[in-house]
Amino acid sequence: MPPRVILFYLLLAGLVALTWWRGRSDERLAAIICVAGTAVTVLVGNGLDIHESDFDIAAFVVDALIFLAFLTIALRSERFWPMWVAALQLTTASVHLLMIISPDLPGLIFGTALAFWSYPILLLIAIGAWRTPIVERWRAAHDIASDQAIT
C-alpha cells in the first residue's frame, strides 16, 4: 500500500475520532460520508489508485453521490464549512468528466487531481468539528439564534 494511502487512512481515522469528540451531527455525518465513500471506492475496484486515466463510471458515480451528500449537508447546515467541502467534492467529480474530454493526458495528472482534494476536504471537516464547541459557546454567550450562520 502506497504511503500516501496509509497517510489518508490515518487522517480519516483521526477525522472520525475528532468528529465524535468535538463535532455534532453535520461533522459526524460528513465523516461517515468520507468513510463510506472511501470504502465504496475501494470496493468498486479503484483501490485508490492514482495511475489510471480511463474514465471509471463506478468511481464517477461514487464521487457524484458523495458530492450530493455533502451538498445536502451544506444546504441544511447553519455552518459555512460544508459549502467549501461540497465545492471541493464537485471539483473532484468534475475531474472525471475531464477524463472523457482529454483521455490522452497522462493518468497521473487525473489521479493526482482526484486524490488531491481529499486532503483539504478532511481538513475542512476537522476544522468544522474543532470549532463546533467554540461556536456553540459564542452563540450561547451572545444569545444568538441558531438560525444565524456563524463559521
Protein backbone atom coordinates (compact mmCIF):
# COMPACT_ATOMS: atom_id res chain seq x y z
CA MET A 1 0.00 0.00 0.00
CA PRO A 2 1.48 3.38 -1.00
CA PRO A 3 2.49 5.73 1.84
CA ARG A 4 0.01 8.40 0.69
CA VAL A 5 -2.84 5.89 1.04
CA ILE A 6 -1.66 4.94 4.54
CA LEU A 7 -1.49 8.65 5.40
CA PHE A 8 -5.02 9.16 4.05
CA TYR A 9 -6.38 6.26 6.14
CA LEU A 10 -4.67 7.64 9.26
CA LEU A 11 -6.09 11.11 8.63
CA LEU A 12 -9.52 9.62 8.01
CA ALA A 13 -9.37 7.69 11.29
CA GLY A 14 -8.25 10.85 13.08
CA LEU A 15 -11.12 12.77 11.50
CA VAL A 16 -13.66 10.23 12.72
CA ALA A 17 -12.24 10.40 16.25
CA LEU A 18 -12.24 14.22 16.20
CA THR A 19 -15.80 14.47 14.91
CA TRP A 20 -17.06 12.13 17.62
CA TRP A 21 -15.13 14.08 20.25
CA ARG A 22 -15.94 17.69 19.29
CA GLY A 23 -18.31 17.63 16.34
CA ARG A 24 -22.06 17.49 16.12
CA SER A 25 -24.37 15.90 13.57
CA ASP A 26 -23.06 17.74 10.48
CA GLU A 27 -19.43 16.96 11.20
CA ARG A 28 -20.16 13.35 12.14
CA LEU A 29 -22.29 12.80 9.07
CA ALA A 30 -19.56 14.28 6.86
CA ALA A 31 -17.00 11.94 8.43
CA ILE A 32 -19.31 8.95 7.86
CA ILE A 33 -19.70 10.03 4.22
CA CYS A 34 -15.91 10.16 3.86
CA VAL A 35 -15.50 6.68 5.35
CA ALA A 36 -18.33 5.24 3.26
CA GLY A 37 -17.06 6.92 0.11
CA THR A 38 -13.57 5.57 0.68
CA ALA A 39 -14.87 2.06 1.34
CA VAL A 40 -17.14 2.05 -1.71
CA THR A 41 -14.37 3.45 -3.91
CA VAL A 42 -12.11 0.59 -2.85
CA LEU A 43 -14.92 -1.95 -3.30
CA VAL A 44 -15.78 -0.86 -6.83
CA GLY A 45 -12.25 -1.71 -7.83
CA ASN A 46 -10.46 1.59 -7.90
CA GLY A 47 -8.36 0.77 -4.85
CA LEU A 48 -7.42 4.47 -4.53
CA ASP A 49 -5.05 4.00 -7.49
CA ILE A 50 -3.98 7.32 -8.99
CA HIS A 51 -2.36 5.98 -12.15
CA GLU A 52 -5.43 5.25 -14.25
CA SER A 53 -6.52 7.66 -16.97
CA ASP A 54 -9.57 5.79 -18.24
CA PHE A 55 -12.98 7.09 -17.30
CA ASP A 56 -14.29 4.91 -14.48
CA ILE A 57 -18.08 5.13 -14.33
CA ALA A 58 -18.24 3.47 -10.91
CA ALA A 59 -15.75 5.91 -9.38
CA PHE A 60 -17.58 8.82 -11.01
CA VAL A 61 -20.92 7.68 -9.58
CA VAL A 62 -19.37 7.31 -6.11
CA ASP A 63 -17.84 10.80 -6.27
CA ALA A 64 -21.08 12.30 -7.61
CA LEU A 65 -23.08 10.70 -4.79
CA ILE A 66 -20.56 11.96 -2.24
CA PHE A 67 -20.97 15.44 -3.73
CA LEU A 68 -24.76 15.20 -3.40
CA ALA A 69 -24.41 14.07 0.21
CA PHE A 70 -22.08 16.97 1.04
CA LEU A 71 -24.38 19.36 -0.81
CA THR A 72 -27.31 18.14 1.30
CA ILE A 73 -25.33 18.86 4.47
CA ALA A 74 -24.37 22.30 3.13
CA LEU A 75 -27.95 23.23 2.29
CA ARG A 76 -29.31 22.36 5.73
CA SER A 77 -26.34 23.37 7.88
CA GLU A 78 -26.01 26.52 9.96
CA ARG A 79 -22.26 26.47 9.38
CA PHE A 80 -20.19 27.64 6.42
CA TRP A 81 -17.59 24.85 6.14
CA PRO A 82 -19.98 22.38 4.42
CA MET A 83 -20.26 24.67 1.40
CA TRP A 84 -16.49 24.54 0.96
CA VAL A 85 -16.49 20.76 1.32
CA ALA A 86 -19.26 20.38 -1.27
CA ALA A 87 -17.44 22.72 -3.66
CA LEU A 88 -14.19 20.75 -3.35
CA GLN A 89 -16.06 17.49 -3.91
CA LEU A 90 -17.68 19.00 -7.00
CA THR A 91 -14.17 19.72 -8.25
CA THR A 92 -13.27 16.08 -7.67
CA ALA A 93 -16.36 14.83 -9.51
CA SER A 94 -15.62 17.22 -12.37
CA VAL A 95 -12.18 15.69 -12.88
CA HIS A 96 -13.91 12.50 -14.02
CA LEU A 97 -15.57 14.46 -16.82
CA LEU A 98 -12.19 15.88 -17.83
CA MET A 99 -11.05 12.31 -18.38
CA ILE A 100 -13.69 11.99 -21.10
CA ILE A 101 -12.75 15.30 -22.71
CA SER A 102 -8.97 14.73 -22.67
CA PRO A 103 -8.29 10.99 -22.40
CA ASP A 104 -4.80 11.36 -23.89
CA LEU A 105 -3.41 13.27 -20.90
CA PRO A 106 -1.25 11.16 -18.58
CA GLY A 107 -3.23 9.24 -15.97
CA LEU A 108 -1.10 10.61 -13.15
CA ILE A 109 -2.50 14.09 -13.79
CA PHE A 110 -6.07 12.88 -13.37
CA GLY A 111 -5.25 10.61 -10.46
CA THR A 112 -3.42 13.36 -8.63
CA ALA A 113 -6.30 15.77 -9.18
CA LEU A 114 -8.74 13.18 -7.84
CA ALA A 115 -6.65 12.36 -4.79
CA PHE A 116 -5.51 15.90 -4.00
CA TRP A 117 -8.87 17.35 -2.99
CA SER A 118 -9.50 14.58 -0.47
CA TYR A 119 -6.99 16.09 1.96
CA PRO A 120 -8.45 19.63 2.10
CA ILE A 121 -11.92 18.09 2.49
CA LEU A 122 -10.73 16.15 5.55
CA LEU A 123 -9.05 19.29 6.88
CA LEU A 124 -12.18 21.42 6.47
CA ILE A 125 -14.36 18.86 8.24
CA ALA A 126 -11.79 18.65 11.04
CA ILE A 127 -11.73 22.44 11.41
CA GLY A 128 -15.53 22.45 11.49
CA ALA A 129 -15.55 19.78 14.20
CA TRP A 130 -12.86 21.55 16.23
CA ARG A 131 -14.71 24.86 16.09
CA THR A 132 -18.18 23.49 16.91
CA PRO A 133 -17.91 23.85 20.73
CA ILE A 134 -16.35 27.31 20.27
CA VAL A 135 -19.23 28.44 18.03
CA GLU A 136 -21.82 26.99 20.42
CA ARG A 137 -20.27 28.80 23.41
CA TRP A 138 -20.16 32.07 21.43
CA ARG A 139 -23.80 31.71 20.42
CA ALA A 140 -24.83 30.95 23.99
CA ALA A 141 -22.86 33.90 25.36
CA HIS A 142 -24.30 36.32 22.82
CA ASP A 143 -27.80 34.86 22.83
CA ILE A 144 -27.66 34.31 19.10
CA ALA A 145 -30.49 32.38 17.46
CA SER A 146 -29.36 29.09 15.99
CA ASP A 147 -30.57 30.03 12.52
CA GLN A 148 -27.84 32.63 12.04
CA ALA A 149 -24.74 31.32 10.29
CA ILE A 150 -21.54 31.63 12.29
CA THR A 151 -18.49 29.94 10.82
